[in-house]
Amino acid sequence: MWRYREIFLLSFGIAAALVPVVRLLAFRFGILDHPKAHGIHSHPVPRIGGIAIYIAFVSGSLFRMDLSTGLKGVLLASSMVFIIGVFDDLRHIRASLKLVWQVFACLIMMFKYGVILTVFPSMILNAFFTALGIIGLTNAVNFLDNMDGLSSGLIAISSLSIFVVGYSTGQIWLCYLSLALAGAAVGFLVFNIRKAYVFMGDAGSTFLGFTIASLCVMTEWSYYWTVTLSVPILILGVPILDMFLITVLRIKEHKVKNFKQWIDYTGKDHLSHRFMRLGLGERGAVAAIWALQLLFCVLAVLIQPRGLGYGVAGLGIYFLFLAGVIVAFRKKRHIVLKLNKRKRNKRSGKRGSSRETALVR
């Protein structure tokens, strides 16, 4: 067990030591995230904290130089995603270009290193859903990086859950990478939990999303296909939930009409923003989402050693919850719109009556 603790502590220590350094460099060279319409901070904040996460993860992963072929592929492909993210943090890159690069990294990982789903009998279907899942989750984590500590905390919870599964099933190499990722995320979280101290930037969020999704693909979850599907979905439950939520509601509310509008759209309509508007505040919203992710992960760890029926139950619980959240926020919007319409009608009615009184006088 000590060999695992070493990796976690090493990646944690490196991340915690590097965050203040990259923060100073960001101020020195003006690499800052300035306040914008869809943000929640009011002053410029360093946005290259992802560099500390990446260096810590790579250091922890290579500490024992004991990686399988698949894990080498994860390390290479996630490094490619990190590099394009750094360029985006330094000079804004079009979303379509980043997407193409992510797909390219995913293809290398799938066909050169064998990190691919084996759920379907067709290789084409396996490749398609592997790429769809990894790219989707990469951007889901990126989208959720909108509050201090939110994404890093989610990735830490998910990574530790993957470690529990890897340890219980004897997947040693998986334990190494999942603990290196968890240690890097927690080391960054120590500083990121402080209000507007440092952001991980696109380099950090896309790197974390791509890596955690890739680890979920290569993990041997179970002999039962329902468990193999339900456990990773639950372990990445909150990012998937948020992705479905914003996609469905943005289409329903006519905010996006095509794929290009969808990838370019930014707004305060994510799960975190909605929780905050329920009266939880920023810290309360982050804590609630962490708690929800922890609940999903506990359920996943309990289901993993079970059989076919437990996998079906896990999928059923998750998608019922997903549908309930979408319906609840959709209904809440209708209620708010009706209340606002009534208020406007009352105001216009008052203005109309006062004008009539003035004319009579």
Foldseek 3Di string as FASTA:
>chain_A
DVLLVVLLQQLLVQLLVCQVVQQVVCVVVVLWDADDDFADDHGTFAEASLVSLLVSLVCLLCVVPDADLLVVLLNVLLVQLLVVQVVCSVPNDQLVVSLVSNLVSLVCSCPVRPLWAPLDPDPVVGSVVLSVQLSLQLVLQVQQQRAQLQSLLLLLLLLVLQLLQCVVVVVVSSSRNSSSNNSSSVSNSVQSNPGRHYHNGSSNSSSSRNSSSSSLSRDDQDPASLLNPLLSCLSSVQSVLQSVQCVVVCVVVVVDDDDSSVSPDRHQPTQLSVVCVVVLNNVRSSVVSSVSSNVSSVLSSVLRVDDHVSSVVSVVVSVVVSVVVNVVVVVVVVVVVVVVVVVVVVVVVVVVVVVVVVVVD
